[in-house]
Amino acid sequence: MRKFVFPGEMILNSPTGLSYSYIENDKTYSKVFGLFDESSKSLIPLKSVWVPHIDDRVIGTISEIGRNGSYSVEINPMVKGVLLTDRRERQKFYVGDVIEATVKEIEHKTTAILERPMLLKDGILMHINTAKIPRLMGKENTMINELTTFTKTKIAVGKNGYVWIKGDNAKRAIEAVLRIESEAHVPGLTDRIKEMLENEGNK
């Protein structure tokens, strides 16, 4: 059984290590507004704010070129992205370029130092609720693999909520991503998305 829970609401009468929860007086409370599944003991946030963690893979746009191979990268309204590259590297970036990179360090909770950048040429950039990123990826990347296979597109997904899509069937992929975002909390989503893509492919 699933039920809506609010921040600060007790969800379990015992301490557990659930994501998006905290423990107080040996009881588990929700940190977010979301859905709690009593049978699987899982908490699904319906709204979430991305907080950077080391090794997070993110997608952003170059907003400013600095000195000595440094760049400012727009990755989140609340978090500043800074890309530091070796001047000997061949890859150069320009304002407006979309890149995928990894969070190397976090400074003062509001600045993410990025590394290992990869240019994402052309394509379409969209943003979804960061809480829905795990559902878009699926267990062991099953959902995103289905999506790329059926639409024959290239898709990069950032933990910060940005999704980059490239290919002739980008429109189909975008529609599927938006549906996943809106129905992430509804059981049977994988089968519905697969059916949707198969039907679109047969038209």
Protein backbone atom coordinates (compact mmCIF):
# COMPACT_ATOMS: atom_id res chain seq x y z
CA MET A 1 0.00 0.00 0.00
CA ARG A 2 1.24 3.48 -0.87
CA LYS A 3 0.41 6.66 0.98
CA PHE A 4 1.37 10.32 0.73
CA VAL A 5 3.73 11.53 3.43
CA PHE A 6 4.94 15.01 4.35
CA PRO A 7 8.28 16.30 5.67
CA GLY A 8 8.57 15.45 9.36
CA GLU A 9 5.94 12.71 9.24
CA MET A 10 6.81 9.42 10.90
CA ILE A 11 6.83 6.58 8.37
CA LEU A 12 8.27 3.70 10.39
CA ASN A 13 8.24 2.89 14.09
CA SER A 14 11.84 1.68 13.87
CA PRO A 15 15.16 3.11 12.63
CA THR A 16 15.99 2.36 8.98
CA GLY A 17 18.42 3.71 6.40
CA LEU A 18 15.84 4.84 3.84
CA SER A 19 16.82 7.52 1.35
CA TYR A 20 15.12 10.90 1.92
CA SER A 21 14.50 10.08 5.58
CA TYR A 22 16.02 10.72 8.99
CA ILE A 23 16.00 8.93 12.34
CA GLU A 24 14.87 10.43 15.63
CA ASN A 25 14.22 8.55 18.88
CA ASP A 26 14.65 5.24 17.03
CA LYS A 27 11.87 6.11 14.57
CA THR A 28 12.09 6.97 10.87
CA TYR A 29 10.70 10.25 9.52
CA SER A 30 10.34 11.59 5.99
CA LYS A 31 12.49 14.51 4.83
CA VAL A 32 10.34 15.09 1.76
CA PHE A 33 6.83 15.22 0.40
CA GLY A 34 6.40 11.92 -1.37
CA LEU A 35 4.92 8.42 -1.53
CA PHE A 36 5.77 5.78 1.05
CA ASP A 37 5.35 2.16 -0.06
CA GLU A 38 4.66 0.14 3.07
CA SER A 39 5.20 -3.24 1.39
CA SER A 40 8.62 -2.50 -0.13
CA LYS A 41 9.58 0.02 2.58
CA SER A 42 10.58 2.60 -0.03
CA LEU A 43 10.11 6.37 -0.06
CA ILE A 44 9.59 8.09 -3.42
CA PRO A 45 10.01 11.89 -3.35
CA LEU A 46 7.60 13.80 -5.56
CA LYS A 47 9.65 16.99 -5.44
CA SER A 48 13.35 17.27 -4.83
CA VAL A 49 16.22 19.75 -4.87
CA TRP A 50 19.53 18.48 -6.22
CA VAL A 51 22.38 18.58 -3.73
CA PRO A 52 25.77 17.90 -5.35
CA HIS A 53 27.78 14.87 -4.27
CA ILE A 54 31.28 13.82 -5.30
CA ASP A 55 31.22 11.63 -8.44
CA ASP A 56 27.78 12.90 -9.51
CA ARG A 57 27.60 13.01 -13.30
CA VAL A 58 26.02 16.33 -14.33
CA ILE A 59 25.10 18.19 -17.50
CA GLY A 60 25.53 21.93 -17.87
CA THR A 61 26.17 24.84 -20.21
CA ILE A 62 29.40 26.84 -20.41
CA SER A 63 28.50 30.37 -19.28
CA GLU A 64 31.90 32.02 -18.95
CA ILE A 65 35.49 31.38 -19.98
CA GLY A 66 38.06 32.08 -17.29
CA ARG A 67 41.81 32.02 -17.13
CA ASN A 68 44.19 29.07 -17.21
CA GLY A 69 41.65 26.66 -18.66
CA SER A 70 38.82 27.38 -16.22
CA TYR A 71 35.14 27.70 -17.12
CA SER A 72 31.94 28.65 -15.33
CA VAL A 73 29.19 26.10 -15.96
CA GLU A 74 25.46 26.53 -15.38
CA ILE A 75 24.36 23.34 -13.66
CA ASN A 76 21.79 24.54 -11.13
CA PRO A 77 20.36 27.90 -9.98
CA MET A 78 21.63 27.26 -6.43
CA VAL A 79 24.95 25.59 -7.28
CA LYS A 80 27.81 27.13 -9.25
CA GLY A 81 29.75 24.81 -11.52
CA VAL A 82 33.47 25.40 -12.10
CA LEU A 83 35.37 23.33 -14.66
CA LEU A 84 39.15 23.23 -14.32
CA THR A 85 41.06 21.84 -17.27
CA ASP A 86 44.73 21.39 -18.04
CA ARG A 87 45.93 23.99 -20.53
CA ARG A 88 47.69 21.19 -22.40
CA GLU A 89 44.38 19.47 -23.11
CA ARG A 90 43.26 19.70 -26.72
CA GLN A 91 39.58 20.10 -25.89
CA LYS A 92 38.49 23.74 -25.75
CA PHE A 93 35.01 24.93 -24.86
CA TYR A 94 33.04 28.03 -25.77
CA VAL A 95 30.16 29.93 -24.19
CA GLY A 96 26.93 28.05 -24.94
CA ASP A 97 28.55 24.63 -25.24
CA VAL A 98 26.70 21.82 -23.45
CA ILE A 99 28.96 19.44 -21.54
CA GLU A 100 28.70 16.36 -19.36
CA ALA A 101 31.14 16.29 -16.43
CA THR A 102 31.78 14.73 -13.03
CA VAL A 103 31.74 16.47 -9.66
CA LYS A 104 35.28 16.26 -8.28
CA GLU A 105 34.97 18.47 -5.20
CA ILE A 106 32.37 20.57 -3.40
CA GLU A 107 33.25 23.93 -1.88
CA HIS A 108 31.04 25.71 0.67
CA LYS A 109 28.09 23.52 -0.41
CA THR A 110 27.32 25.91 -3.30
CA THR A 111 30.23 25.37 -5.69
CA ALA A 112 30.87 22.13 -7.54
CA ILE A 113 34.34 21.64 -9.02
CA LEU A 114 33.99 19.60 -12.20
CA GLU A 115 36.33 17.30 -14.08
CA ARG A 116 36.37 14.85 -17.02
CA PRO A 117 34.24 17.01 -19.34
CA MET A 118 32.73 15.70 -22.54
CA LEU A 119 31.22 17.96 -25.19
CA LEU A 120 27.61 17.15 -26.13
CA LYS A 121 27.28 18.48 -29.66
CA ASP A 122 23.94 19.60 -31.07
CA GLY A 123 21.03 17.71 -29.52
CA ILE A 124 18.21 19.04 -27.35
CA LEU A 125 18.61 19.96 -23.67
CA MET A 126 15.67 19.58 -21.29
CA HIS A 127 15.21 19.60 -17.53
CA ILE A 128 13.09 17.36 -15.30
CA ASN A 129 12.52 17.05 -11.56
CA THR A 130 15.72 15.64 -10.08
CA ALA A 131 13.67 13.26 -7.92
CA LYS A 132 12.60 11.47 -11.11
CA ILE A 133 16.13 10.85 -12.44
CA PRO A 134 16.45 7.40 -10.79
CA ARG A 135 13.13 6.37 -12.36
CA LEU A 136 14.27 7.62 -15.76
CA MET A 137 17.41 5.50 -15.47
CA GLY A 138 15.62 2.43 -14.05
CA LYS A 139 17.18 -0.45 -12.18
CA GLU A 140 20.58 -1.20 -13.72
CA ASN A 141 19.75 1.40 -16.41
CA THR A 142 16.92 -0.72 -17.83
CA MET A 143 14.57 2.20 -18.51
CA ILE A 144 17.09 4.44 -20.24
CA ASN A 145 18.37 1.50 -22.28
CA GLU A 146 14.83 0.73 -23.47
CA LEU A 147 14.38 4.37 -24.38
CA THR A 148 17.57 4.65 -26.43
CA THR A 149 16.96 1.30 -28.14
CA PHE A 150 13.39 2.05 -29.23
CA THR A 151 14.00 5.65 -30.28
CA LYS A 152 17.51 5.10 -31.67
CA THR A 153 18.68 8.28 -29.97
CA LYS A 154 21.68 9.22 -27.86
CA ILE A 155 20.66 10.27 -24.35
CA ALA A 156 22.80 11.66 -21.53
CA VAL A 157 21.28 12.11 -18.08
CA GLY A 158 22.67 14.34 -15.32
CA LYS A 159 21.99 13.93 -11.62
CA ASN A 160 21.17 17.67 -11.63
CA GLY A 161 18.05 17.04 -13.71
CA TYR A 162 19.31 17.94 -17.19
CA VAL A 163 18.70 15.47 -20.00
CA TRP A 164 20.41 15.77 -23.41
CA ILE A 165 18.85 14.00 -26.38
CA LYS A 166 20.14 13.70 -29.94
CA GLY A 167 18.73 11.83 -32.92
CA ASP A 168 16.06 11.82 -35.61
CA ASN A 169 13.51 10.48 -33.13
CA ALA A 170 14.32 13.00 -30.40
CA LYS A 171 10.68 14.08 -30.24
CA ARG A 172 9.57 10.55 -29.31
CA ALA A 173 12.27 10.34 -26.68
CA ILE A 174 11.27 13.70 -25.19
CA GLU A 175 7.62 12.63 -24.97
CA ALA A 176 8.68 9.44 -23.18
CA VAL A 177 10.92 11.32 -20.74
CA LEU A 178 8.10 13.73 -19.88
CA ARG A 179 5.72 10.84 -19.33
CA ILE A 180 8.23 9.10 -17.07
CA GLU A 181 8.58 12.32 -15.08
CA SER A 182 4.82 12.74 -14.64
CA GLU A 183 4.07 9.06 -13.89
CA ALA A 184 7.20 8.04 -11.97
CA HIS A 185 5.16 7.25 -8.86
CA VAL A 186 2.61 5.05 -10.66
CA PRO A 187 3.23 1.25 -10.67
CA GLY A 188 3.72 -0.50 -14.01
CA LEU A 189 5.46 2.47 -15.64
CA THR A 190 8.09 0.42 -17.46
CA ASP A 191 5.46 -1.63 -19.30
CA ARG A 192 3.47 1.48 -20.23
CA ILE A 193 6.52 3.25 -21.62
CA LYS A 194 7.51 0.16 -23.60
CA GLU A 195 3.98 -0.12 -25.02
CA MET A 196 3.97 3.57 -25.88
CA LEU A 197 7.28 3.32 -27.76
CA GLU A 198 6.27 0.14 -29.57
CA ASN A 199 2.98 1.70 -30.70
CA GLU A 200 4.75 4.84 -31.89
CA GLY A 201 7.27 2.73 -33.77
CA ASN A 202 4.54 0.83 -35.60
CA LYS A 203 2.86 3.99 -36.92
